[in-house]
Amino acid sequence: MGNLTVINHPLVQHKLSILRNKKTGTKEFRELVHELAILLGYEVTRDLPLEDVDIETPVAVAHAKQLGGKKVGVVPILRAGLGMVDGIMSLIPAAKIGHIGLYRDPETLEPVDYYCKLPTDASEREMIVVDPMLATGGSAVAAINALKRNGCKGIKLVCIIGAPEGIEKVQSAHDDVDIFIACVDERLNDHGYIVPGLGDAGDRLFGTK
């Protein structure tokens, strides 16, 4: 069973509070999503393998550690997931980026797949799927389905806010995927929005309200 990790670091919770505020403008919202992605990414990469290496310092040889060469991919769910990519990439600049395009049908609330472009060696990489909101879970499940169809095995899902319904749906469909999240909110409303949430993350990121 994939693990659910709620990252309740004080900096994460503080930035999340500002992110929720309806008075927070597009520029600040985008910066906060970037900063939260870095803080979440720190936890997501905690188990990356290390290898021993000898480094010559100006004083002596240091017996040190470096990343063990495990390949990583970052996959934003379009469009809101784009806001988290640069934060993750600032930690792992050698990662490759894929894109999965999904939108939610306003009537059925089910995801509609319209784009999928992954690195050619995606099946050899640990894939980190990013999306600020985990609401119904439909888009996350569809994105993970797409990765698995392309041979990906080590998959992690990173979100900022989630609803219990969405978390349960992902865990039921993909019990091998670890979920990292800053906060689990109360519920979904009748329109499939997270309550209290922060509104539409894509609109707030790109100023398209």
N, C-alpha and C. Protein backbone atom coordinates (compact mmCIF):
# COMPACT_ATOMS: atom_id res chain seq x y z
N MET A 1 0.84 -1.20 0.00
CA MET A 1 0.00 0.00 0.00
C MET A 1 0.87 1.24 0.00
N GLY A 2 0.60 2.17 -0.90
CA GLY A 2 1.34 3.42 -0.92
C GLY A 2 1.07 4.23 0.34
N ASN A 3 2.05 4.95 0.77
CA ASN A 3 1.93 5.74 1.99
C ASN A 3 1.38 7.12 1.69
N LEU A 4 0.66 7.68 2.66
CA LEU A 4 0.24 9.08 2.62
C LEU A 4 1.11 9.83 3.61
N THR A 5 1.85 10.83 3.11
CA THR A 5 2.70 11.65 3.97
C THR A 5 2.18 13.07 3.95
N VAL A 6 1.73 13.55 5.11
CA VAL A 6 1.28 14.94 5.24
C VAL A 6 2.45 15.75 5.79
N ILE A 7 2.89 16.73 5.02
CA ILE A 7 4.09 17.49 5.37
C ILE A 7 3.65 18.75 6.12
N ASN A 8 3.73 18.69 7.43
CA ASN A 8 3.21 19.77 8.27
C ASN A 8 4.30 20.67 8.82
N HIS A 9 5.38 20.83 8.05
CA HIS A 9 6.46 21.73 8.44
C HIS A 9 5.90 23.14 8.63
N PRO A 10 6.38 23.88 9.62
CA PRO A 10 5.84 25.24 9.86
C PRO A 10 5.90 26.15 8.64
N LEU A 11 6.97 26.10 7.85
CA LEU A 11 7.06 26.95 6.66
C LEU A 11 6.00 26.56 5.64
N VAL A 12 5.76 25.27 5.51
CA VAL A 12 4.74 24.79 4.57
C VAL A 12 3.37 25.31 5.00
N GLN A 13 3.06 25.15 6.28
CA GLN A 13 1.74 25.56 6.75
C GLN A 13 1.55 27.08 6.67
N HIS A 14 2.60 27.83 6.94
CA HIS A 14 2.51 29.29 6.86
C HIS A 14 2.25 29.74 5.42
N LYS A 15 3.01 29.20 4.49
CA LYS A 15 2.85 29.59 3.08
C LYS A 15 1.49 29.13 2.55
N LEU A 16 1.03 28.00 3.02
CA LEU A 16 -0.27 27.49 2.59
C LEU A 16 -1.40 28.43 3.04
N SER A 17 -1.27 28.99 4.21
CA SER A 17 -2.29 29.92 4.71
C SER A 17 -2.40 31.15 3.81
N ILE A 18 -1.25 31.67 3.37
CA ILE A 18 -1.26 32.83 2.47
C ILE A 18 -1.83 32.43 1.11
N LEU A 19 -1.49 31.22 0.67
CA LEU A 19 -1.96 30.73 -0.62
C LEU A 19 -3.49 30.65 -0.65
N ARG A 20 -4.09 30.26 0.45
CA ARG A 20 -5.55 30.09 0.51
C ARG A 20 -6.28 31.43 0.42
N ASN A 21 -5.65 32.49 0.90
CA ASN A 21 -6.33 33.78 1.04
C ASN A 21 -6.79 34.29 -0.34
N LYS A 22 -8.08 34.61 -0.44
CA LYS A 22 -8.61 35.06 -1.73
C LYS A 22 -8.03 36.40 -2.16
N LYS A 23 -7.40 37.12 -1.24
CA LYS A 23 -6.79 38.41 -1.57
C LYS A 23 -5.38 38.27 -2.14
N THR A 24 -4.82 37.07 -2.07
CA THR A 24 -3.47 36.85 -2.61
C THR A 24 -3.52 36.90 -4.13
N GLY A 25 -2.72 37.80 -4.72
CA GLY A 25 -2.74 38.00 -6.17
C GLY A 25 -1.97 36.94 -6.94
N THR A 26 -2.06 37.03 -8.26
CA THR A 26 -1.47 36.01 -9.13
C THR A 26 0.04 35.88 -8.95
N LYS A 27 0.75 36.99 -8.90
CA LYS A 27 2.22 36.95 -8.78
C LYS A 27 2.63 36.25 -7.48
N GLU A 28 2.04 36.67 -6.37
CA GLU A 28 2.40 36.07 -5.09
C GLU A 28 1.94 34.62 -5.03
N PHE A 29 0.78 34.31 -5.59
CA PHE A 29 0.28 32.94 -5.61
C PHE A 29 1.26 32.03 -6.33
N ARG A 30 1.72 32.50 -7.49
CA ARG A 30 2.67 31.70 -8.28
C ARG A 30 3.97 31.49 -7.52
N GLU A 31 4.46 32.52 -6.85
CA GLU A 31 5.70 32.39 -6.08
C GLU A 31 5.53 31.42 -4.92
N LEU A 32 4.37 31.45 -4.28
CA LEU A 32 4.11 30.55 -3.15
C LEU A 32 4.04 29.10 -3.60
N VAL A 33 3.39 28.84 -4.74
CA VAL A 33 3.33 27.48 -5.26
C VAL A 33 4.74 26.97 -5.57
N HIS A 34 5.57 27.84 -6.14
CA HIS A 34 6.97 27.48 -6.42
C HIS A 34 7.70 27.13 -5.12
N GLU A 35 7.54 27.97 -4.10
CA GLU A 35 8.23 27.74 -2.82
C GLU A 35 7.72 26.47 -2.14
N LEU A 36 6.41 26.24 -2.20
CA LEU A 36 5.85 25.03 -1.60
C LEU A 36 6.33 23.78 -2.33
N ALA A 37 6.50 23.87 -3.64
CA ALA A 37 7.01 22.73 -4.40
C ALA A 37 8.42 22.37 -3.95
N ILE A 38 9.23 23.38 -3.67
CA ILE A 38 10.59 23.12 -3.17
C ILE A 38 10.53 22.41 -1.82
N LEU A 39 9.70 22.93 -0.92
CA LEU A 39 9.60 22.34 0.42
C LEU A 39 9.04 20.92 0.37
N LEU A 40 8.04 20.69 -0.46
CA LEU A 40 7.50 19.34 -0.61
C LEU A 40 8.52 18.43 -1.29
N GLY A 41 9.22 18.98 -2.28
CA GLY A 41 10.21 18.19 -3.00
C GLY A 41 11.33 17.70 -2.10
N TYR A 42 11.65 18.49 -1.09
CA TYR A 42 12.68 18.09 -0.13
C TYR A 42 12.30 16.77 0.53
N GLU A 43 11.01 16.63 0.88
CA GLU A 43 10.55 15.39 1.53
C GLU A 43 10.41 14.26 0.53
N VAL A 44 9.95 14.57 -0.67
CA VAL A 44 9.72 13.54 -1.68
C VAL A 44 11.03 12.84 -2.06
N THR A 45 12.12 13.61 -2.05
CA THR A 45 13.42 13.06 -2.47
C THR A 45 14.23 12.49 -1.32
N ARG A 46 13.63 12.37 -0.17
CA ARG A 46 14.35 11.92 1.03
C ARG A 46 14.97 10.53 0.86
N ASP A 47 14.35 9.67 0.07
CA ASP A 47 14.84 8.29 -0.05
C ASP A 47 15.64 8.04 -1.33
N LEU A 48 16.05 9.11 -2.02
CA LEU A 48 16.91 8.88 -3.19
C LEU A 48 18.21 8.21 -2.76
N PRO A 49 18.68 7.21 -3.50
CA PRO A 49 19.88 6.48 -3.08
C PRO A 49 21.14 7.31 -3.21
N LEU A 50 22.08 7.04 -2.30
CA LEU A 50 23.37 7.72 -2.29
C LEU A 50 24.49 6.72 -2.57
N GLU A 51 25.63 7.25 -3.01
CA GLU A 51 26.82 6.42 -3.18
C GLU A 51 28.01 7.14 -2.57
N ASP A 52 29.00 6.36 -2.16
CA ASP A 52 30.21 6.94 -1.56
C ASP A 52 31.11 7.55 -2.63
N VAL A 53 31.73 8.66 -2.27
CA VAL A 53 32.63 9.33 -3.19
C VAL A 53 33.71 10.06 -2.39
N ASP A 54 34.93 10.09 -2.92
CA ASP A 54 36.01 10.84 -2.29
C ASP A 54 36.16 12.18 -3.00
N ILE A 55 36.13 13.24 -2.22
CA ILE A 55 36.19 14.60 -2.74
C ILE A 55 37.43 15.29 -2.19
N GLU A 56 38.20 15.93 -3.07
CA GLU A 56 39.36 16.69 -2.60
C GLU A 56 38.91 18.10 -2.22
N THR A 57 38.98 18.40 -0.94
CA THR A 57 38.70 19.76 -0.48
C THR A 57 40.02 20.55 -0.52
N PRO A 58 40.01 21.84 -0.27
CA PRO A 58 41.27 22.59 -0.20
C PRO A 58 42.20 22.12 0.92
N VAL A 59 41.68 21.27 1.83
CA VAL A 59 42.46 20.85 3.00
C VAL A 59 42.88 19.38 2.95
N ALA A 60 41.94 18.51 2.57
CA ALA A 60 42.21 17.08 2.59
C ALA A 60 41.16 16.37 1.74
N VAL A 61 41.23 15.03 1.73
CA VAL A 61 40.22 14.24 1.03
C VAL A 61 39.06 13.97 1.97
N ALA A 62 37.84 14.26 1.52
CA ALA A 62 36.64 14.00 2.31
C ALA A 62 35.93 12.77 1.76
N HIS A 63 35.57 11.86 2.66
CA HIS A 63 34.76 10.70 2.29
C HIS A 63 33.31 11.15 2.38
N ALA A 64 32.68 11.34 1.22
CA ALA A 64 31.38 12.01 1.19
C ALA A 64 30.34 11.15 0.48
N LYS A 65 29.17 11.72 0.29
CA LYS A 65 28.06 11.04 -0.39
C LYS A 65 27.58 11.91 -1.54
N GLN A 66 27.11 11.25 -2.59
CA GLN A 66 26.44 11.96 -3.67
C GLN A 66 25.29 11.09 -4.17
N LEU A 67 24.38 11.69 -4.92
CA LEU A 67 23.25 10.93 -5.44
C LEU A 67 23.75 9.77 -6.29
N GLY A 68 23.08 8.65 -6.11
CA GLY A 68 23.55 7.41 -6.71
C GLY A 68 23.18 7.19 -8.16
N GLY A 69 22.78 8.22 -8.85
CA GLY A 69 22.54 8.10 -10.28
C GLY A 69 21.15 7.64 -10.64
N LYS A 70 20.23 7.55 -9.66
CA LYS A 70 18.87 7.15 -9.98
C LYS A 70 18.20 8.24 -10.81
N LYS A 71 17.63 7.86 -11.94
CA LYS A 71 17.02 8.84 -12.83
C LYS A 71 15.64 9.24 -12.31
N VAL A 72 15.33 10.53 -12.46
CA VAL A 72 14.06 11.07 -11.98
C VAL A 72 13.37 11.80 -13.11
N GLY A 73 12.04 11.72 -13.12
CA GLY A 73 11.24 12.48 -14.06
C GLY A 73 10.18 13.25 -13.29
N VAL A 74 9.84 14.43 -13.78
CA VAL A 74 8.79 15.25 -13.17
C VAL A 74 7.67 15.41 -14.19
N VAL A 75 6.45 15.10 -13.78
CA VAL A 75 5.31 15.12 -14.70
C VAL A 75 4.20 15.99 -14.13
N PRO A 76 4.05 17.23 -14.61
CA PRO A 76 2.92 18.05 -14.19
C PRO A 76 1.65 17.62 -14.90
N ILE A 77 0.54 17.64 -14.16
CA ILE A 77 -0.76 17.48 -14.78
C ILE A 77 -1.19 18.88 -15.22
N LEU A 78 -1.34 19.06 -16.53
CA LEU A 78 -1.67 20.38 -17.07
C LEU A 78 -3.08 20.78 -16.66
N ARG A 79 -3.25 22.06 -16.33
CA ARG A 79 -2.24 23.07 -16.47
C ARG A 79 -1.64 23.49 -15.14
N ALA A 80 -2.41 23.31 -14.05
CA ALA A 80 -1.98 23.83 -12.75
C ALA A 80 -0.67 23.21 -12.28
N GLY A 81 -0.41 21.95 -12.69
CA GLY A 81 0.82 21.30 -12.27
C GLY A 81 2.08 22.01 -12.73
N LEU A 82 1.95 22.80 -13.80
CA LEU A 82 3.11 23.55 -14.30
C LEU A 82 3.69 24.46 -13.23
N GLY A 83 2.84 24.97 -12.34
CA GLY A 83 3.30 25.89 -11.30
C GLY A 83 4.26 25.26 -10.31
N MET A 84 4.32 23.92 -10.26
CA MET A 84 5.17 23.23 -9.30
C MET A 84 6.46 22.72 -9.91
N VAL A 85 6.57 22.74 -11.23
CA VAL A 85 7.71 22.09 -11.90
C VAL A 85 9.04 22.74 -11.55
N ASP A 86 9.13 24.07 -11.66
CA ASP A 86 10.41 24.74 -11.43
C ASP A 86 10.92 24.52 -10.01
N GLY A 87 10.01 24.45 -9.04
CA GLY A 87 10.43 24.21 -7.67
C GLY A 87 11.10 22.85 -7.52
N ILE A 88 10.48 21.82 -8.10
CA ILE A 88 11.07 20.48 -8.03
C ILE A 88 12.39 20.44 -8.82
N MET A 89 12.40 21.09 -9.99
CA MET A 89 13.59 21.05 -10.84
C MET A 89 14.76 21.81 -10.21
N SER A 90 14.49 22.78 -9.37
CA SER A 90 15.58 23.49 -8.70
C SER A 90 16.33 22.56 -7.75
N LEU A 91 15.66 21.51 -7.29
CA LEU A 91 16.31 20.51 -6.43
C LEU A 91 16.98 19.41 -7.24
N ILE A 92 16.38 19.05 -8.38
CA ILE A 92 16.89 17.94 -9.20
C ILE A 92 17.03 18.44 -10.64
N PRO A 93 18.01 19.27 -10.93
CA PRO A 93 18.10 19.88 -12.27
C PRO A 93 18.33 18.87 -13.39
N ALA A 94 18.81 17.67 -13.06
CA ALA A 94 19.04 16.67 -14.11
C ALA A 94 17.79 15.88 -14.45
N ALA A 95 16.71 16.11 -13.73
CA ALA A 95 15.46 15.39 -14.03
C ALA A 95 14.93 15.79 -15.40
N LYS A 96 14.19 14.89 -16.01
CA LYS A 96 13.52 15.19 -17.27
C LYS A 96 12.04 15.46 -16.99
N ILE A 97 11.42 16.21 -17.88
CA ILE A 97 10.03 16.62 -17.66
C ILE A 97 9.12 16.01 -18.71
N GLY A 98 8.03 15.40 -18.24
CA GLY A 98 6.96 14.95 -19.12
C GLY A 98 5.75 15.83 -18.90
N HIS A 99 4.74 15.70 -19.72
CA HIS A 99 3.50 16.47 -19.55
C HIS A 99 2.30 15.57 -19.80
N ILE A 100 1.32 15.70 -18.93
CA ILE A 100 0.05 14.99 -19.13
C ILE A 100 -1.07 16.02 -19.08
N GLY A 101 -1.85 16.09 -20.16
CA GLY A 101 -2.94 17.05 -20.25
C GLY A 101 -4.27 16.40 -19.95
N LEU A 102 -4.94 16.89 -18.91
CA LEU A 102 -6.25 16.38 -18.52
C LEU A 102 -7.13 17.56 -18.14
N TYR A 103 -8.39 17.48 -18.45
CA TYR A 103 -9.31 18.46 -17.89
C TYR A 103 -10.53 17.72 -17.36
N ARG A 104 -11.23 18.35 -16.44
CA ARG A 104 -12.37 17.70 -15.80
C ARG A 104 -13.66 18.13 -16.48
N ASP A 105 -14.40 17.16 -16.98
CA ASP A 105 -15.69 17.46 -17.58
C ASP A 105 -16.60 18.07 -16.52
N PRO A 106 -17.12 19.29 -16.75
CA PRO A 106 -17.91 19.96 -15.72
C PRO A 106 -19.20 19.25 -15.37
N GLU A 107 -19.69 18.39 -16.26
CA GLU A 107 -20.94 17.68 -15.99
C GLU A 107 -20.69 16.39 -15.22
N THR A 108 -19.77 15.57 -15.74
CA THR A 108 -19.54 14.25 -15.13
C THR A 108 -18.47 14.29 -14.05
N LEU A 109 -17.66 15.37 -14.04
CA LEU A 109 -16.50 15.52 -13.14
C LEU A 109 -15.42 14.49 -13.42
N GLU A 110 -15.54 13.75 -14.54
CA GLU A 110 -14.54 12.76 -14.91
C GLU A 110 -13.44 13.39 -15.77
N PRO A 111 -12.19 12.90 -15.64
CA PRO A 111 -11.09 13.48 -16.42
C PRO A 111 -11.16 13.10 -17.90
N VAL A 112 -10.80 14.04 -18.75
CA VAL A 112 -10.70 13.81 -20.19
C VAL A 112 -9.23 13.98 -20.57
N ASP A 113 -8.65 12.95 -21.16
CA ASP A 113 -7.23 12.92 -21.51
C ASP A 113 -7.05 13.54 -22.89
N TYR A 114 -6.19 14.58 -23.01
CA TYR A 114 -5.99 15.18 -24.32
C TYR A 114 -4.51 15.28 -24.72
N TYR A 115 -3.57 14.95 -23.82
CA TYR A 115 -2.16 15.07 -24.19
C TYR A 115 -1.31 14.24 -23.24
N CYS A 116 -0.32 13.54 -23.80
CA CYS A 116 0.65 12.81 -22.98
C CYS A 116 1.96 12.73 -23.73
N LYS A 117 2.99 13.37 -23.18
CA LYS A 117 4.33 13.35 -23.76
C LYS A 117 5.32 13.11 -22.64
N LEU A 118 6.00 11.97 -22.68
CA LEU A 118 6.92 11.58 -21.60
C LEU A 118 8.33 11.42 -22.15
N PRO A 119 9.34 11.49 -21.26
CA PRO A 119 10.71 11.19 -21.71
C PRO A 119 10.78 9.79 -22.31
N THR A 120 11.64 9.61 -23.31
CA THR A 120 11.72 8.31 -23.98
C THR A 120 12.15 7.19 -23.03
N ASP A 121 12.86 7.55 -21.97
CA ASP A 121 13.30 6.54 -21.00
C ASP A 121 12.47 6.60 -19.72
N ALA A 122 11.21 7.01 -19.84
CA ALA A 122 10.36 7.19 -18.66
C ALA A 122 10.27 5.93 -17.80
N SER A 123 10.27 4.77 -18.44
CA SER A 123 10.12 3.52 -17.69
C SER A 123 11.32 3.24 -16.79
N GLU A 124 12.45 3.92 -17.04
CA GLU A 124 13.65 3.71 -16.23
C GLU A 124 13.77 4.74 -15.11
N ARG A 125 12.82 5.65 -15.03
CA ARG A 125 12.91 6.76 -14.09
C ARG A 125 11.90 6.63 -12.95
N GLU A 126 12.25 7.22 -11.81
CA GLU A 126 11.26 7.42 -10.76
C GLU A 126 10.48 8.68 -11.13
N MET A 127 9.18 8.55 -11.31
CA MET A 127 8.37 9.64 -11.81
C MET A 127 7.62 10.35 -10.68
N ILE A 128 7.75 11.66 -10.65
CA ILE A 128 7.08 12.48 -9.64
C ILE A 128 5.97 13.26 -10.34
N VAL A 129 4.73 12.90 -10.06
CA VAL A 129 3.57 13.58 -10.64
C VAL A 129 3.20 14.75 -9.74
N VAL A 130 3.04 15.94 -10.32
CA VAL A 130 2.74 17.12 -9.51
C VAL A 130 1.44 17.78 -9.99
N ASP A 131 0.63 18.16 -9.01
CA ASP A 131 -0.63 18.88 -9.25
C ASP A 131 -1.00 19.53 -7.93
N PRO A 132 -1.24 20.84 -7.91
CA PRO A 132 -1.52 21.50 -6.63
C PRO A 132 -2.71 20.92 -5.87
N MET A 133 -3.74 20.50 -6.60
CA MET A 133 -4.98 20.08 -5.96
C MET A 133 -5.28 18.62 -6.26
N LEU A 134 -5.62 17.86 -5.21
CA LEU A 134 -6.10 16.49 -5.35
C LEU A 134 -7.55 16.49 -4.88
N ALA A 135 -8.47 16.72 -5.82
CA ALA A 135 -9.88 16.91 -5.48
C ALA A 135 -10.63 15.57 -5.56
N THR A 136 -11.23 15.28 -6.71
CA THR A 136 -11.94 14.00 -6.85
C THR A 136 -10.96 12.83 -6.98
N GLY A 137 -9.73 13.14 -7.39
CA GLY A 137 -8.74 12.09 -7.63
C GLY A 137 -8.77 11.54 -9.04
N GLY A 138 -9.76 11.94 -9.84
CA GLY A 138 -9.88 11.40 -11.19
C GLY A 138 -8.69 11.72 -12.07
N SER A 139 -8.23 12.97 -12.04
CA SER A 139 -7.10 13.35 -12.89
C SER A 139 -5.82 12.64 -12.46
N ALA A 140 -5.60 12.55 -11.15
CA ALA A 140 -4.40 11.87 -10.65
C ALA A 140 -4.39 10.40 -11.05
N VAL A 141 -5.54 9.74 -10.91
CA VAL A 141 -5.63 8.33 -11.29
C VAL A 141 -5.38 8.17 -12.79
N ALA A 142 -5.97 9.05 -13.59
CA ALA A 142 -5.77 8.97 -15.05
C ALA A 142 -4.32 9.21 -15.42
N ALA A 143 -3.66 10.16 -14.75
CA ALA A 143 -2.25 10.44 -15.03
C ALA A 143 -1.37 9.25 -14.67
N ILE A 144 -1.64 8.66 -13.54
CA ILE A 144 -0.86 7.48 -13.11
C ILE A 144 -1.12 6.31 -14.05
N ASN A 145 -2.37 6.16 -14.49
CA ASN A 145 -2.67 5.13 -15.49
C ASN A 145 -1.81 5.31 -16.73
N ALA A 146 -1.70 6.56 -17.20
CA ALA A 146 -0.91 6.85 -18.40
C ALA A 146 0.56 6.50 -18.19
N LEU A 147 1.09 6.83 -17.01
CA LEU A 147 2.49 6.48 -16.72
C LEU A 147 2.69 4.97 -16.71
N LYS A 148 1.77 4.26 -16.09
CA LYS A 148 1.92 2.80 -16.02
C LYS A 148 1.78 2.16 -17.40
N ARG A 149 0.93 2.74 -18.25
CA ARG A 149 0.83 2.22 -19.63
C ARG A 149 2.15 2.37 -20.37
N ASN A 150 2.95 3.35 -19.94
CA ASN A 150 4.27 3.58 -20.55
C ASN A 150 5.39 2.87 -19.80
N GLY A 151 5.04 1.95 -18.93
CA GLY A 151 6.03 1.11 -18.27
C GLY A 151 6.62 1.66 -17.00
N CYS A 152 6.11 2.78 -16.50
CA CYS A 152 6.65 3.38 -15.28
C CYS A 152 6.20 2.58 -14.06
N LYS A 153 7.11 2.42 -13.12
CA LYS A 153 6.81 1.64 -11.91
C LYS A 153 6.96 2.47 -10.65
N GLY A 154 8.07 3.18 -10.48
CA GLY A 154 8.27 3.98 -9.27
C GLY A 154 7.62 5.34 -9.44
N ILE A 155 6.41 5.51 -8.93
CA ILE A 155 5.65 6.74 -9.12
C ILE A 155 5.27 7.35 -7.77
N LYS A 156 5.45 8.67 -7.66
CA LYS A 156 5.02 9.41 -6.47
C LYS A 156 4.11 10.55 -6.91
N LEU A 157 3.13 10.86 -6.09
CA LEU A 157 2.19 11.94 -6.37
C LEU A 157 2.39 13.04 -5.33
N VAL A 158 2.60 14.27 -5.80
CA VAL A 158 2.86 15.41 -4.92
C VAL A 158 1.80 16.48 -5.15
N CYS A 159 1.07 16.82 -4.10
CA CYS A 159 0.02 17.83 -4.19
C CYS A 159 0.16 18.78 -3.00
N ILE A 160 -0.48 19.93 -3.11
CA ILE A 160 -0.46 20.88 -2.00
C ILE A 160 -1.65 20.67 -1.08
N ILE A 161 -2.85 20.59 -1.66
CA ILE A 161 -4.07 20.37 -0.87
C ILE A 161 -4.83 19.19 -1.46
N GLY A 162 -5.39 18.36 -0.58
CA GLY A 162 -6.18 17.22 -1.04
C GLY A 162 -7.46 17.08 -0.25
N ALA A 163 -8.43 16.44 -0.88
CA ALA A 163 -9.68 16.08 -0.21
C ALA A 163 -9.62 14.59 0.14
N PRO A 164 -10.26 14.19 1.23
CA PRO A 164 -10.25 12.77 1.59
C PRO A 164 -10.75 11.87 0.47
N GLU A 165 -11.75 12.35 -0.28
CA GLU A 165 -12.30 11.54 -1.37
C GLU A 165 -11.26 11.27 -2.44
N GLY A 166 -10.48 12.29 -2.79
CA GLY A 166 -9.46 12.12 -3.82
C GLY A 166 -8.33 11.21 -3.37
N ILE A 167 -7.91 11.39 -2.12
CA ILE A 167 -6.84 10.54 -1.58
C ILE A 167 -7.28 9.08 -1.60
N GLU A 168 -8.51 8.84 -1.16
CA GLU A 168 -9.02 7.46 -1.13
C GLU A 168 -9.10 6.86 -2.54
N LYS A 169 -9.50 7.68 -3.50
CA LYS A 169 -9.61 7.18 -4.87
C LYS A 169 -8.26 6.78 -5.43
N VAL A 170 -7.24 7.61 -5.20
CA VAL A 170 -5.90 7.28 -5.68
C VAL A 170 -5.38 6.03 -4.99
N GLN A 171 -5.57 5.97 -3.67
CA GLN A 171 -5.07 4.80 -2.93
C GLN A 171 -5.76 3.51 -3.37
N SER A 172 -7.06 3.60 -3.68
CA SER A 172 -7.80 2.41 -4.12
C SER A 172 -7.35 1.95 -5.50
N ALA A 173 -7.11 2.92 -6.39
CA ALA A 173 -6.73 2.58 -7.76
C ALA A 173 -5.26 2.21 -7.89
N HIS A 174 -4.42 2.85 -7.08
CA HIS A 174 -2.97 2.67 -7.20
C HIS A 174 -2.35 2.56 -5.81
N ASP A 175 -2.45 1.39 -5.22
CA ASP A 175 -1.99 1.24 -3.84
C ASP A 175 -0.47 1.15 -3.73
N ASP A 176 0.24 1.26 -4.87
CA ASP A 176 1.70 1.24 -4.85
C ASP A 176 2.30 2.64 -4.99
N VAL A 177 1.45 3.66 -5.05
CA VAL A 177 1.92 5.03 -5.26
C VAL A 177 1.90 5.80 -3.94
N ASP A 178 3.04 6.38 -3.57
CA ASP A 178 3.12 7.21 -2.37
C ASP A 178 2.59 8.60 -2.67
N ILE A 179 1.82 9.16 -1.73
CA ILE A 179 1.24 10.49 -1.88
C ILE A 179 1.87 11.42 -0.86
N PHE A 180 2.34 12.58 -1.33
CA PHE A 180 2.89 13.61 -0.46
C PHE A 180 2.01 14.85 -0.59
N ILE A 181 1.61 15.40 0.55
CA ILE A 181 0.63 16.49 0.51
C ILE A 181 0.87 17.42 1.69
N ALA A 182 0.54 18.70 1.51
CA ALA A 182 0.74 19.67 2.60
C ALA A 182 -0.44 19.70 3.57
N CYS A 183 -1.64 19.42 3.07
CA CYS A 183 -2.81 19.47 3.95
C CYS A 183 -3.95 18.65 3.37
N VAL A 184 -4.64 17.92 4.24
CA VAL A 184 -5.87 17.22 3.87
C VAL A 184 -7.04 18.04 4.38
N ASP A 185 -7.85 18.56 3.44
CA ASP A 185 -8.98 19.41 3.80
C ASP A 185 -10.21 18.59 4.16
N GLU A 186 -11.33 19.30 4.38
CA GLU A 186 -12.52 18.65 4.93
C GLU A 186 -13.22 17.71 3.96
N ARG A 187 -13.51 18.22 2.73
CA ARG A 187 -14.39 17.47 1.84
C ARG A 187 -14.44 18.15 0.48
N LEU A 188 -15.20 17.55 -0.43
CA LEU A 188 -15.54 18.16 -1.70
C LEU A 188 -16.94 18.74 -1.63
N ASN A 189 -17.17 19.84 -2.35
CA ASN A 189 -18.54 20.35 -2.44
C ASN A 189 -19.25 19.71 -3.64
N ASP A 190 -20.47 20.14 -3.91
CA ASP A 190 -21.27 19.53 -4.98
C ASP A 190 -20.68 19.75 -6.36
N HIS A 191 -19.78 20.72 -6.49
CA HIS A 191 -19.15 21.01 -7.78
C HIS A 191 -17.77 20.36 -7.91
N GLY A 192 -17.39 19.55 -6.93
CA GLY A 192 -16.10 18.87 -6.98
C GLY A 192 -14.93 19.73 -6.57
N TYR A 193 -15.20 20.86 -5.89
CA TYR A 193 -14.13 21.71 -5.38
C TYR A 193 -13.81 21.34 -3.93
N ILE A 194 -12.53 21.48 -3.58
CA ILE A 194 -12.11 21.17 -2.22
C ILE A 194 -12.58 22.27 -1.27
N VAL A 195 -13.11 21.87 -0.12
CA VAL A 195 -13.56 22.80 0.93
C VAL A 195 -12.68 22.62 2.16
N PRO A 196 -12.06 23.69 2.72
CA PRO A 196 -12.14 25.08 2.26
C PRO A 196 -11.27 25.38 1.03
N GLY A 197 -10.24 24.59 0.78
CA GLY A 197 -9.45 24.70 -0.44
C GLY A 197 -8.85 26.07 -0.67
N LEU A 198 -8.74 26.43 -1.96
CA LEU A 198 -8.20 27.75 -2.33
C LEU A 198 -8.78 28.24 -3.65
N GLY A 199 -9.87 27.60 -4.09
CA GLY A 199 -10.44 27.95 -5.38
C GLY A 199 -9.81 27.14 -6.48
N ASP A 200 -9.83 27.68 -7.70
CA ASP A 200 -9.25 27.00 -8.86
C ASP A 200 -7.77 27.37 -8.96
N ALA A 201 -6.89 26.40 -8.72
CA ALA A 201 -5.45 26.67 -8.69
C ALA A 201 -4.95 27.16 -10.04
N GLY A 202 -5.45 26.58 -11.14
CA GLY A 202 -5.01 27.02 -12.46
C GLY A 202 -5.37 28.46 -12.74
N ASP A 203 -6.60 28.85 -12.42
CA ASP A 203 -7.03 30.23 -12.63
C ASP A 203 -6.20 31.18 -11.80
N ARG A 204 -5.91 30.80 -10.56
CA ARG A 204 -5.16 31.70 -9.68
C ARG A 204 -3.69 31.76 -10.07
N LEU A 205 -3.15 30.69 -10.63
CA LEU A 205 -1.76 30.70 -11.09
C LEU A 205 -1.57 31.57 -12.32
N PHE A 206 -2.53 31.48 -13.23
CA PHE A 206 -2.34 32.10 -14.55
C PHE A 206 -3.23 33.32 -14.77
N GLY A 207 -3.97 33.72 -13.74
CA GLY A 207 -4.76 34.94 -13.83
C GLY A 207 -5.92 34.85 -14.81
N THR A 208 -6.52 33.66 -14.92
CA THR A 208 -7.58 33.45 -15.91
C THR A 208 -8.97 33.37 -15.29
N LYS A 209 -9.13 33.93 -14.12
CA LYS A 209 -10.45 33.90 -13.46
C LYS A 209 -11.45 34.71 -14.25
